[in-house]
């Protein structure tokens, strides 16, 4: 098994892939990180203090992972196309673990992967996951979506571990949309927390945000039950509830009066929702789907005042649920 991307989530998934006693190749762009992982069996940059399996071997050469039985793709969403373009083509399955929508094209990650590697089966792994908990072996359940049932069953069995339970699905679009949209909504929930607006407001935002996710997902061909499952509502609840979420913590900073641009500039890790929000807004507008919370997050990321944006949301015309 190969894992492409050695951030926190990629490292955690490498741990899962090695849990059944199989060798794992973990690709990182940074030569210093490759050396550190191989020398110390720890990713101190992203998951300090968590010992890594000796079956994991880091590499900086994509050719070393390309021939694996399957590759978990754990790059930032907006970098995925470029990395896949450099990955030698073997036709082996690609399991996409990045959550977003491509800027400029409005393509889902599966559509990007299919365009770049047309001979490879494309699957999507998504769900409520904090990397540190997965790496430590705490119980986790995810969705593994594949259009091909046989491939999905085989890889579900391959990545399952005593603490890591994948549920098979054939709704690739639904699994992707849940993961992309929840990042944007987590920023909004963080703003609520940072501005001290209370738990009532956060609960209302999660519920109305889920309505937005469902409207957009159904318009794109997703199934309602997928959006109500692990990769949709499950992931939404997790990332809207904890400062361990990069998107939630970004929103907290904005809600507390800091500028989004400054917060993003000072981060080592990527808050995907900040990149997804304007793409999601434009994609929703293009198909006539109303997403007022997403629109509000875009205003906040652009620097509009928190009280103005929240006031505009609360002043929307009353309507039925």
C-alpha atoms as a PDB file:
ATOM      1  CA  UNK A   1       0.000   0.000   0.000  1.00  0.00           C
ATOM      2  CA  UNK A   2       1.203   3.522  -0.775  1.00  0.00           C
ATOM      3  CA  UNK A   3       0.279   6.771   0.926  1.00  0.00           C
ATOM      4  CA  UNK A   4       0.909  10.018  -0.947  1.00  0.00           C
ATOM      5  CA  UNK A   5       1.127  12.920   1.475  1.00  0.00           C
ATOM      6  CA  UNK A   6       2.897  12.816   4.846  1.00  0.00           C
ATOM      7  CA  UNK A   7       0.954  15.388   6.811  1.00  0.00           C
ATOM      8  CA  UNK A   8      -0.974  14.396   9.911  1.00  0.00           C
ATOM      9  CA  UNK A   9      -3.771  12.624   8.042  1.00  0.00           C
ATOM     10  CA  UNK A  10      -1.465  10.843   5.611  1.00  0.00           C
ATOM     11  CA  UNK A  11       0.720   9.641   8.475  1.00  0.00           C
ATOM     12  CA  UNK A  12      -2.321   8.404  10.411  1.00  0.00           C
ATOM     13  CA  UNK A  13      -3.565   6.490   7.365  1.00  0.00           C
ATOM     14  CA  UNK A  14      -0.124   4.966   6.889  1.00  0.00           C
ATOM     15  CA  UNK A  15      -0.448   3.659  10.450  1.00  0.00           C
ATOM     16  CA  UNK A  16      -3.824   2.131   9.569  1.00  0.00           C
ATOM     17  CA  UNK A  17      -2.458   0.590   6.369  1.00  0.00           C
ATOM     18  CA  UNK A  18       0.417  -0.981   8.318  1.00  0.00           C
ATOM     19  CA  UNK A  19      -1.837  -2.315  11.090  1.00  0.00           C
ATOM     20  CA  UNK A  20      -2.415  -5.618   9.267  1.00  0.00           C
ATOM     21  CA  UNK A  21       1.281  -6.341   8.904  1.00  0.00           C
ATOM     22  CA  UNK A  22       1.831  -4.997   5.383  1.00  0.00           C
ATOM     23  CA  UNK A  23       4.675  -2.726   4.315  1.00  0.00           C
ATOM     24  CA  UNK A  24       3.636   0.842   3.529  1.00  0.00           C
ATOM     25  CA  UNK A  25       5.418   3.452   1.424  1.00  0.00           C
ATOM     26  CA  UNK A  26       4.741   7.015   2.574  1.00  0.00           C
ATOM     27  CA  UNK A  27       5.573   9.796   0.112  1.00  0.00           C
ATOM     28  CA  UNK A  28       6.580  13.279   1.263  1.00  0.00           C
ATOM     29  CA  UNK A  29       7.817  16.197  -0.823  1.00  0.00           C
ATOM     30  CA  UNK A  30      10.151  17.425   1.944  1.00  0.00           C
ATOM     31  CA  UNK A  31      13.444  15.489   1.975  1.00  0.00           C
ATOM     32  CA  UNK A  32      14.064  16.503   5.577  1.00  0.00           C
ATOM     33  CA  UNK A  33      10.730  15.030   6.645  1.00  0.00           C
ATOM     34  CA  UNK A  34      11.482  11.793   4.768  1.00  0.00           C
ATOM     35  CA  UNK A  35      14.799  11.430   6.564  1.00  0.00           C
ATOM     36  CA  UNK A  36      13.303  12.270   9.958  1.00  0.00           C
ATOM     37  CA  UNK A  37      10.530   9.693   9.617  1.00  0.00           C
ATOM     38  CA  UNK A  38      12.918   6.954   8.530  1.00  0.00           C
ATOM     39  CA  UNK A  39      15.490   7.772  11.211  1.00  0.00           C
ATOM     40  CA  UNK A  40      13.148   8.257  14.175  1.00  0.00           C
ATOM     41  CA  UNK A  41       9.930   6.406  13.209  1.00  0.00           C
ATOM     42  CA  UNK A  42       7.985   9.515  14.165  1.00  0.00           C
ATOM     43  CA  UNK A  43       6.486  12.412  12.230  1.00  0.00           C
ATOM     44  CA  UNK A  44       7.466  15.071  14.743  1.00  0.00           C
ATOM     45  CA  UNK A  45       6.379  17.873  12.396  1.00  0.00           C
ATOM     46  CA  UNK A  46       2.719  16.808  12.253  1.00  0.00           C
ATOM     47  CA  UNK A  47       2.080  14.074  14.857  1.00  0.00           C
ATOM     48  CA  UNK A  48       4.694  14.563  17.563  1.00  0.00           C
ATOM     49  CA  UNK A  49       4.980  11.924  20.241  1.00  0.00           C
ATOM     50  CA  UNK A  50       3.163   9.180  18.298  1.00  0.00           C
ATOM     51  CA  UNK A  51       5.456   6.250  17.382  1.00  0.00           C
ATOM     52  CA  UNK A  52       5.093   5.081  13.779  1.00  0.00           C
ATOM     53  CA  UNK A  53       4.993   1.456  12.691  1.00  0.00           C
ATOM     54  CA  UNK A  54       8.399   0.114  11.562  1.00  0.00           C
ATOM     55  CA  UNK A  55       6.570  -1.192   8.473  1.00  0.00           C
ATOM     56  CA  UNK A  56       6.226   2.407   7.221  1.00  0.00           C
ATOM     57  CA  UNK A  57       9.048   3.634   5.021  1.00  0.00           C
ATOM     58  CA  UNK A  58       9.070   7.248   3.814  1.00  0.00           C
ATOM     59  CA  UNK A  59      10.257   8.224   0.345  1.00  0.00           C
ATOM     60  CA  UNK A  60      10.547  11.353  -1.752  1.00  0.00           C
ATOM     61  CA  UNK A  61      10.202   9.486  -5.049  1.00  0.00           C
ATOM     62  CA  UNK A  62       6.674   9.014  -6.396  1.00  0.00           C
ATOM     63  CA  UNK A  63       7.890   6.083  -8.498  1.00  0.00           C
ATOM     64  CA  UNK A  64       8.518   4.174  -5.264  1.00  0.00           C
ATOM     65  CA  UNK A  65       4.822   4.293  -4.367  1.00  0.00           C
ATOM     66  CA  UNK A  66       3.206   4.247  -7.812  1.00  0.00           C
ATOM     67  CA  UNK A  67       3.392   0.473  -8.233  1.00  0.00           C
ATOM     68  CA  UNK A  68       1.673  -0.268  -4.902  1.00  0.00           C
ATOM     69  CA  UNK A  69      -1.522  -2.353  -4.949  1.00  0.00           C
ATOM     70  CA  UNK A  70      -3.391   0.891  -4.197  1.00  0.00           C
ATOM     71  CA  UNK A  71      -2.462   4.422  -3.219  1.00  0.00           C
ATOM     72  CA  UNK A  72      -4.133   6.604  -0.623  1.00  0.00           C
ATOM     73  CA  UNK A  73      -3.994  10.193  -1.936  1.00  0.00           C
ATOM     74  CA  UNK A  74      -3.704  12.576   1.014  1.00  0.00           C
ATOM     75  CA  UNK A  75      -2.510  15.820  -0.553  1.00  0.00           C
ATOM     76  CA  UNK A  76      -4.182  19.224  -0.135  1.00  0.00           C
ATOM     77  CA  UNK A  77      -7.150  19.306  -2.495  1.00  0.00           C
ATOM     78  CA  UNK A  78      -5.839  22.138  -4.648  1.00  0.00           C
ATOM     79  CA  UNK A  79      -2.473  20.369  -5.086  1.00  0.00           C
ATOM     80  CA  UNK A  80      -3.874  16.960  -5.981  1.00  0.00           C
ATOM     81  CA  UNK A  81      -3.946  17.400  -9.758  1.00  0.00           C
ATOM     82  CA  UNK A  82      -0.273  18.404  -9.907  1.00  0.00           C
ATOM     83  CA  UNK A  83       0.833  15.499  -7.701  1.00  0.00           C
ATOM     84  CA  UNK A  84      -1.205  12.979  -9.688  1.00  0.00           C
ATOM     85  CA  UNK A  85       0.262  14.340 -12.914  1.00  0.00           C
ATOM     86  CA  UNK A  86       3.717  13.398 -11.579  1.00  0.00           C
ATOM     87  CA  UNK A  87       2.594   9.959 -10.367  1.00  0.00           C
ATOM     88  CA  UNK A  88       3.530   7.184 -12.851  1.00  0.00           C
ATOM     89  CA  UNK A  89       0.435   5.485 -14.267  1.00  0.00           C
ATOM     90  CA  UNK A  90      -0.002   1.806 -13.371  1.00  0.00           C
ATOM     91  CA  UNK A  91      -3.798   1.600 -13.412  1.00  0.00           C
ATOM     92  CA  UNK A  92      -3.925   0.645  -9.729  1.00  0.00           C
ATOM     93  CA  UNK A  93      -6.703   2.005  -7.485  1.00  0.00           C
ATOM     94  CA  UNK A  94      -6.479   5.541  -6.124  1.00  0.00           C
ATOM     95  CA  UNK A  95      -8.209   6.136  -2.776  1.00  0.00           C
ATOM     96  CA  UNK A  96      -8.841   9.863  -2.434  1.00  0.00           C
ATOM     97  CA  UNK A  97      -8.606  11.170   1.121  1.00  0.00           C
ATOM     98  CA  UNK A  98      -8.493  14.913   0.400  1.00  0.00           C
ATOM     99  CA  UNK A  99     -11.666  16.972   0.812  1.00  0.00           C
ATOM    100  CA  UNK A 100     -12.447  19.844  -1.507  1.00  0.00           C
ATOM    101  CA  UNK A 101     -13.553  21.080  -4.922  1.00  0.00           C
ATOM    102  CA  UNK A 102     -10.977  22.146  -7.490  1.00  0.00           C
ATOM    103  CA  UNK A 103     -10.688  25.900  -7.995  1.00  0.00           C
ATOM    104  CA  UNK A 104     -11.347  27.108 -11.522  1.00  0.00           C
ATOM    105  CA  UNK A 105     -12.914  23.890 -12.806  1.00  0.00           C
ATOM    106  CA  UNK A 106     -15.447  23.193  -9.985  1.00  0.00           C
ATOM    107  CA  UNK A 107     -14.516  19.524 -10.373  1.00  0.00           C
ATOM    108  CA  UNK A 108     -14.812  17.078  -7.497  1.00  0.00           C
ATOM    109  CA  UNK A 109     -11.606  15.295  -6.533  1.00  0.00           C
ATOM    110  CA  UNK A 110     -12.795  12.046  -8.151  1.00  0.00           C
ATOM    111  CA  UNK A 111     -13.366  13.884 -11.433  1.00  0.00           C
ATOM    112  CA  UNK A 112      -9.859  15.328 -11.296  1.00  0.00           C
ATOM    113  CA  UNK A 113      -8.347  11.902 -10.581  1.00  0.00           C
ATOM    114  CA  UNK A 114     -10.306  10.260 -13.386  1.00  0.00           C
ATOM    115  CA  UNK A 115      -9.109  12.926 -15.818  1.00  0.00           C
ATOM    116  CA  UNK A 116      -5.442  12.518 -14.854  1.00  0.00           C
ATOM    117  CA  UNK A 117      -5.414   8.710 -14.319  1.00  0.00           C
ATOM    118  CA  UNK A 118      -8.210   7.393 -16.553  1.00  0.00           C
ATOM    119  CA  UNK A 119      -7.160   3.735 -16.177  1.00  0.00           C
ATOM    120  CA  UNK A 120      -7.247   3.741 -12.366  1.00  0.00           C
ATOM    121  CA  UNK A 121     -10.313   2.873 -10.294  1.00  0.00           C
ATOM    122  CA  UNK A 122     -11.076   5.879  -8.074  1.00  0.00           C
ATOM    123  CA  UNK A 123     -12.448   5.514  -4.549  1.00  0.00           C
ATOM    124  CA  UNK A 124     -13.187   8.082  -1.852  1.00  0.00           C
ATOM    125  CA  UNK A 125     -12.422   7.660   1.852  1.00  0.00           C
ATOM    126  CA  UNK A 126     -14.194  10.182   4.061  1.00  0.00           C
ATOM    127  CA  UNK A 127     -15.744  10.469   7.494  1.00  0.00           C
ATOM    128  CA  UNK A 128     -15.390  11.917  10.997  1.00  0.00           C
ATOM    129  CA  UNK A 129     -11.660  11.604  11.642  1.00  0.00           C
ATOM    130  CA  UNK A 130      -9.104  13.504  13.653  1.00  0.00           C
ATOM    131  CA  UNK A 131      -5.685  12.293  12.540  1.00  0.00           C
ATOM    132  CA  UNK A 132      -4.111  12.089  15.994  1.00  0.00           C
ATOM    133  CA  UNK A 133      -6.909   9.843  17.274  1.00  0.00           C
ATOM    134  CA  UNK A 134      -6.603   7.509  14.291  1.00  0.00           C
ATOM    135  CA  UNK A 135      -2.817   7.354  14.657  1.00  0.00           C
ATOM    136  CA  UNK A 136      -3.173   6.477  18.337  1.00  0.00           C
ATOM    137  CA  UNK A 137      -5.522   3.625  17.539  1.00  0.00           C
ATOM    138  CA  UNK A 138      -8.734   5.124  18.905  1.00  0.00           C
ATOM    139  CA  UNK A 139     -12.014   3.773  17.452  1.00  0.00           C
ATOM    140  CA  UNK A 140     -12.969   5.365  14.128  1.00  0.00           C
ATOM    141  CA  UNK A 141     -15.550   4.656  11.408  1.00  0.00           C
ATOM    142  CA  UNK A 142     -15.422   6.017   7.856  1.00  0.00           C
ATOM    143  CA  UNK A 143     -17.093   5.675   4.468  1.00  0.00           C
ATOM    144  CA  UNK A 144     -15.176   4.060   1.602  1.00  0.00           C
ATOM    145  CA  UNK A 145     -17.062   4.812  -1.607  1.00  0.00           C
ATOM    146  CA  UNK A 146     -16.410   3.058  -4.908  1.00  0.00           C
ATOM    147  CA  UNK A 147     -18.426   2.871  -8.105  1.00  0.00           C
ATOM    148  CA  UNK A 148     -17.178  -0.705  -8.543  1.00  0.00           C
ATOM    149  CA  UNK A 149     -18.510  -2.999  -5.825  1.00  0.00           C
ATOM    150  CA  UNK A 150     -15.771  -5.638  -6.115  1.00  0.00           C
ATOM    151  CA  UNK A 151     -12.977  -3.089  -5.841  1.00  0.00           C
ATOM    152  CA  UNK A 152     -14.740  -1.442  -2.923  1.00  0.00           C
ATOM    153  CA  UNK A 153     -15.117  -4.732  -1.051  1.00  0.00           C
ATOM    154  CA  UNK A 154     -11.485  -5.688  -1.592  1.00  0.00           C
ATOM    155  CA  UNK A 155     -10.094  -2.388  -0.388  1.00  0.00           C
ATOM    156  CA  UNK A 156     -12.553  -2.138   2.501  1.00  0.00           C
ATOM    157  CA  UNK A 157     -11.130  -5.439   3.763  1.00  0.00           C
ATOM    158  CA  UNK A 158      -7.550  -4.293   3.090  1.00  0.00           C
ATOM    159  CA  UNK A 159      -7.697  -1.087   5.134  1.00  0.00           C
ATOM    160  CA  UNK A 160      -9.953  -2.306   7.934  1.00  0.00           C
ATOM    161  CA  UNK A 161      -8.273  -2.631  11.324  1.00  0.00           C
ATOM    162  CA  UNK A 162      -9.545  -3.437  14.825  1.00  0.00           C
ATOM    163  CA  UNK A 163      -9.881   0.277  15.579  1.00  0.00           C
ATOM    164  CA  UNK A 164     -10.646   1.487  12.029  1.00  0.00           C
ATOM    165  CA  UNK A 165     -13.969   0.425  10.503  1.00  0.00           C
ATOM    166  CA  UNK A 166     -14.753   1.376   6.887  1.00  0.00           C
ATOM    167  CA  UNK A 167     -18.346   1.153   5.647  1.00  0.00           C
ATOM    168  CA  UNK A 168     -18.704   0.450   1.921  1.00  0.00           C
ATOM    169  CA  UNK A 169     -20.764   2.715  -0.331  1.00  0.00           C
ATOM    170  CA  UNK A 170     -21.209   3.150  -4.071  1.00  0.00           C
ATOM    171  CA  UNK A 171     -22.099   6.864  -3.771  1.00  0.00           C
ATOM    172  CA  UNK A 172     -18.773   8.488  -4.614  1.00  0.00           C
ATOM    173  CA  UNK A 173     -20.317  11.913  -5.214  1.00  0.00           C
ATOM    174  CA  UNK A 174     -22.146  11.916  -1.888  1.00  0.00           C
ATOM    175  CA  UNK A 175     -19.026  10.936   0.059  1.00  0.00           C
ATOM    176  CA  UNK A 176     -17.035  13.710  -1.606  1.00  0.00           C
ATOM    177  CA  UNK A 177     -19.595  16.464  -1.197  1.00  0.00           C
ATOM    178  CA  UNK A 178     -20.075  15.781   2.497  1.00  0.00           C
ATOM    179  CA  UNK A 179     -16.348  16.068   3.123  1.00  0.00           C
ATOM    180  CA  UNK A 180     -15.954  19.248   1.094  1.00  0.00           C
ATOM    181  CA  UNK A 181     -18.966  21.164   2.395  1.00  0.00           C
ATOM    182  CA  UNK A 182     -18.463  20.332   6.082  1.00  0.00           C
ATOM    183  CA  UNK A 183     -15.095  22.128   6.070  1.00  0.00           C
ATOM    184  CA  UNK A 184     -16.791  25.380   5.094  1.00  0.00           C
ATOM    185  CA  UNK A 185     -19.521  24.939   7.692  1.00  0.00           C
ATOM    186  CA  UNK A 186     -16.917  24.207  10.384  1.00  0.00           C
ATOM    187  CA  UNK A 187     -15.429  27.658   9.809  1.00  0.00           C
ATOM    188  CA  UNK A 188     -18.864  29.165  10.398  1.00  0.00           C
ATOM    189  CA  UNK A 189     -19.305  27.190  13.632  1.00  0.00           C
ATOM    190  CA  UNK A 190     -15.890  28.330  14.785  1.00  0.00           C
ATOM    191  CA  UNK A 191     -16.941  31.928  14.208  1.00  0.00           C
ATOM    192  CA  UNK A 192     -19.989  31.347  16.401  1.00  0.00           C
ATOM    193  CA  UNK A 193     -17.750  30.010  19.175  1.00  0.00           C
ATOM    194  CA  UNK A 194     -15.119  32.735  18.800  1.00  0.00           C
ATOM    195  CA  UNK A 195     -17.733  35.477  18.888  1.00  0.00           C
ATOM    196  CA  UNK A 196     -19.342  33.988  22.010  1.00  0.00           C
ATOM    197  CA  UNK A 197     -22.767  33.547  20.426  1.00  0.00           C
ATOM    198  CA  UNK A 198     -23.646  30.394  22.352  1.00  0.00           C
ATOM    199  CA  UNK A 199     -24.541  26.758  21.832  1.00  0.00           C
ATOM    200  CA  UNK A 200     -28.065  27.485  20.549  1.00  0.00           C
ATOM    201  CA  UNK A 201     -26.574  29.355  17.620  1.00  0.00           C
ATOM    202  CA  UNK A 202     -24.035  26.610  16.910  1.00  0.00           C
ATOM    203  CA  UNK A 203     -26.707  23.892  16.928  1.00  0.00           C
ATOM    204  CA  UNK A 204     -28.900  25.949  14.607  1.00  0.00           C
ATOM    205  CA  UNK A 205     -25.980  26.526  12.259  1.00  0.00           C
ATOM    206  CA  UNK A 206     -25.150  22.811  12.113  1.00  0.00           C
ATOM    207  CA  UNK A 207     -28.782  21.994  11.262  1.00  0.00           C
ATOM    208  CA  UNK A 208     -29.144  24.716   8.644  1.00  0.00           C
ATOM    209  CA  UNK A 209     -25.679  23.941   7.301  1.00  0.00           C
ATOM    210  CA  UNK A 210     -26.677  20.326   6.853  1.00  0.00           C
ATOM    211  CA  UNK A 211     -29.686  21.565   4.863  1.00  0.00           C
ATOM    212  CA  UNK A 212     -27.271  23.465   2.600  1.00  0.00           C
ATOM    213  CA  UNK A 213     -25.071  20.396   2.200  1.00  0.00           C
ATOM    214  CA  UNK A 214     -28.115  18.306   1.291  1.00  0.00           C
ATOM    215  CA  UNK A 215     -29.452  20.809  -1.265  1.00  0.00           C
ATOM    216  CA  UNK A 216     -26.102  21.027  -3.018  1.00  0.00           C
ATOM    217  CA  UNK A 217     -25.428  17.304  -2.808  1.00  0.00           C
ATOM    218  CA  UNK A 218     -28.786  16.272  -4.241  1.00  0.00           C
ATOM    219  CA  UNK A 219     -28.381  18.765  -7.076  1.00  0.00           C
ATOM    220  CA  UNK A 220     -25.014  17.155  -7.902  1.00  0.00           C
ATOM    221  CA  UNK A 221     -26.395  13.623  -7.867  1.00  0.00           C
ATOM    222  CA  UNK A 222     -25.580  12.505  -4.323  1.00  0.00           C
ATOM    223  CA  UNK A 223     -27.941  10.349  -2.293  1.00  0.00           C
ATOM    224  CA  UNK A 224     -29.628  11.733   0.812  1.00  0.00           C
ATOM    225  CA  UNK A 225     -28.690   8.703   2.929  1.00  0.00           C
ATOM    226  CA  UNK A 226     -24.988   9.216   2.153  1.00  0.00           C
ATOM    227  CA  UNK A 227     -25.173  12.850   3.216  1.00  0.00           C
ATOM    228  CA  UNK A 228     -26.881  11.753   6.446  1.00  0.00           C
ATOM    229  CA  UNK A 229     -24.132   9.190   7.115  1.00  0.00           C
ATOM    230  CA  UNK A 230     -20.530   9.168   8.286  1.00  0.00           C
ATOM    231  CA  UNK A 231     -19.074  11.174   5.404  1.00  0.00           C
ATOM    232  CA  UNK A 232     -21.736  13.878   5.660  1.00  0.00           C
ATOM    233  CA  UNK A 233     -23.526  14.528   8.928  1.00  0.00           C
ATOM    234  CA  UNK A 234     -21.009  12.501  10.943  1.00  0.00           C
ATOM    235  CA  UNK A 235     -18.047  14.526   9.701  1.00  0.00           C
ATOM    236  CA  UNK A 236     -20.027  17.753  10.030  1.00  0.00           C
ATOM    237  CA  UNK A 237     -20.777  17.163  13.712  1.00  0.00           C
ATOM    238  CA  UNK A 238     -17.152  16.338  14.493  1.00  0.00           C
ATOM    239  CA  UNK A 239     -15.550  19.299  12.757  1.00  0.00           C
ATOM    240  CA  UNK A 240     -18.151  21.760  14.030  1.00  0.00           C
ATOM    241  CA  UNK A 241     -17.544  20.772  17.642  1.00  0.00           C
ATOM    242  CA  UNK A 242     -13.829  20.846  18.429  1.00  0.00           C
ATOM    243  CA  UNK A 243     -10.786  23.099  18.250  1.00  0.00           C
ATOM    244  CA  UNK A 244      -8.898  20.035  17.005  1.00  0.00           C
ATOM    245  CA  UNK A 245     -10.549  20.876  13.659  1.00  0.00           C
ATOM    246  CA  UNK A 246      -8.324  23.231  11.658  1.00  0.00           C
ATOM    247  CA  UNK A 247     -11.379  24.793  10.038  1.00  0.00           C
ATOM    248  CA  UNK A 248     -13.194  25.297  13.345  1.00  0.00           C
ATOM    249  CA  UNK A 249     -10.102  26.873  14.930  1.00  0.00           C
ATOM    250  CA  UNK A 250      -9.722  29.206  11.939  1.00  0.00           C
ATOM    251  CA  UNK A 251     -13.321  30.308  12.440  1.00  0.00           C
ATOM    252  CA  UNK A 252     -12.718  30.821  16.164  1.00  0.00           C
ATOM    253  CA  UNK A 253      -9.895  33.208  15.370  1.00  0.00           C
ATOM    254  CA  UNK A 254     -12.082  35.152  12.932  1.00  0.00           C
ATOM    255  CA  UNK A 255     -14.936  35.238  15.439  1.00  0.00           C
ATOM    256  CA  UNK A 256     -12.510  36.580  18.045  1.00  0.00           C
ATOM    257  CA  UNK A 257     -11.581  39.535  15.844  1.00  0.00           C
ATOM    258  CA  UNK A 258      -8.515  38.314  13.944  1.00  0.00           C
ATOM    259  CA  UNK A 259      -8.151  38.682  10.184  1.00  0.00           C
ATOM    260  CA  UNK A 260      -8.521  35.530   8.107  1.00  0.00           C
ATOM    261  CA  UNK A 261      -5.529  36.383   5.900  1.00  0.00           C
ATOM    262  CA  UNK A 262      -3.219  36.702   8.899  1.00  0.00           C
ATOM    263  CA  UNK A 263      -4.486  33.486  10.459  1.00  0.00           C
ATOM    264  CA  UNK A 264      -3.982  31.543   7.235  1.00  0.00           C
ATOM    265  CA  UNK A 265      -0.514  32.969   6.676  1.00  0.00           C
ATOM    266  CA  UNK A 266       0.657  31.730  10.078  1.00  0.00           C
ATOM    267  CA  UNK A 267      -0.507  28.116   9.634  1.00  0.00           C
ATOM    268  CA  UNK A 268       1.670  25.133   8.843  1.00  0.00           C
ATOM    269  CA  UNK A 269      -1.338  22.967   8.048  1.00  0.00           C
ATOM    270  CA  UNK A 270      -4.087  23.614   5.503  1.00  0.00           C
ATOM    271  CA  UNK A 271      -7.609  24.674   6.520  1.00  0.00           C
ATOM    272  CA  UNK A 272      -9.285  23.266   3.400  1.00  0.00           C
ATOM    273  CA  UNK A 273     -12.536  25.109   4.030  1.00  0.00           C
ATOM    274  CA  UNK A 274     -10.865  28.443   3.331  1.00  0.00           C
ATOM    275  CA  UNK A 275      -9.963  27.275  -0.175  1.00  0.00           C
ATOM    276  CA  UNK A 276     -13.236  25.421  -0.757  1.00  0.00           C
ATOM    277  CA  UNK A 277     -15.636  28.191   0.330  1.00  0.00           C
ATOM    278  CA  UNK A 278     -15.380  30.483  -2.736  1.00  0.00           C
ATOM    279  CA  UNK A 279     -15.280  27.493  -5.093  1.00  0.00           C
ATOM    280  CA  UNK A 280     -18.353  25.982  -3.444  1.00  0.00           C
ATOM    281  CA  UNK A 281     -20.175  29.322  -3.548  1.00  0.00           C
ATOM    282  CA  UNK A 282     -19.510  29.701  -7.272  1.00  0.00           C
ATOM    283  CA  UNK A 283     -20.401  26.086  -8.026  1.00  0.00           C
ATOM    284  CA  UNK A 284     -23.691  26.439  -6.114  1.00  0.00           C
ATOM    285  CA  UNK A 285     -24.559  29.663  -7.896  1.00  0.00           C
ATOM    286  CA  UNK A 286     -23.864  27.995 -11.254  1.00  0.00           C
ATOM    287  CA  UNK A 287     -26.514  25.329 -10.609  1.00  0.00           C
ATOM    288  CA  UNK A 288     -28.985  27.599  -8.802  1.00  0.00           C
ATOM    289  CA  UNK A 289     -28.544  26.226  -5.272  1.00  0.00           C
ATOM    290  CA  UNK A 290     -28.947  28.690  -2.405  1.00  0.00           C
ATOM    291  CA  UNK A 291     -26.189  28.411   0.258  1.00  0.00           C
ATOM    292  CA  UNK A 292     -26.391  31.459   2.557  1.00  0.00           C
ATOM    293  CA  UNK A 293     -23.989  30.106   5.211  1.00  0.00           C
ATOM    294  CA  UNK A 294     -21.377  29.403   2.560  1.00  0.00           C
ATOM    295  CA  UNK A 295     -21.876  32.913   1.184  1.00  0.00           C
ATOM    296  CA  UNK A 296     -21.404  34.298   4.710  1.00  0.00           C
ATOM    297  CA  UNK A 297     -18.166  32.365   5.207  1.00  0.00           C
ATOM    298  CA  UNK A 298     -16.844  33.808   1.947  1.00  0.00           C
ATOM    299  CA  UNK A 299     -17.566  37.317   3.232  1.00  0.00           C
ATOM    300  CA  UNK A 300     -15.776  36.592   6.500  1.00  0.00           C
ATOM    301  CA  UNK A 301     -12.747  35.192   4.695  1.00  0.00           C
ATOM    302  CA  UNK A 302     -12.690  38.349   2.574  1.00  0.00           C
ATOM    303  CA  UNK A 303     -12.461  40.464   5.734  1.00  0.00           C
ATOM    304  CA  UNK A 304     -16.049  41.631   6.304  1.00  0.00           C
ATOM    305  CA  UNK A 305     -16.939  42.385   9.927  1.00  0.00           C
ATOM    306  CA  UNK A 306     -18.337  39.452  11.896  1.00  0.00           C
ATOM    307  CA  UNK A 307     -21.318  41.383  13.316  1.00  0.00           C
ATOM    308  CA  UNK A 308     -22.286  42.608   9.819  1.00  0.00           C
ATOM    309  CA  UNK A 309     -22.185  39.121   8.314  1.00  0.00           C
ATOM    310  CA  UNK A 310     -24.102  37.497  11.168  1.00  0.00           C
ATOM    311  CA  UNK A 311     -26.616  40.342  11.167  1.00  0.00           C
ATOM    312  CA  UNK A 312     -27.265  39.777   7.474  1.00  0.00           C
ATOM    313  CA  UNK A 313     -27.877  36.063   8.063  1.00  0.00           C
ATOM    314  CA  UNK A 314     -30.321  36.756  10.894  1.00  0.00           C
ATOM    315  CA  UNK A 315     -32.150  39.370   8.811  1.00  0.00           C
ATOM    316  CA  UNK A 316     -32.967  36.919   6.001  1.00  0.00           C
ATOM    317  CA  UNK A 317     -36.711  36.628   5.298  1.00  0.00           C
ATOM    318  CA  UNK A 318     -38.575  34.118   7.460  1.00  0.00           C
ATOM    319  CA  UNK A 319     -39.411  30.850   5.698  1.00  0.00           C
ATOM    320  CA  UNK A 320     -40.573  27.327   6.306  1.00  0.00           C
ATOM    321  CA  UNK A 321     -38.059  24.704   7.357  1.00  0.00           C
END
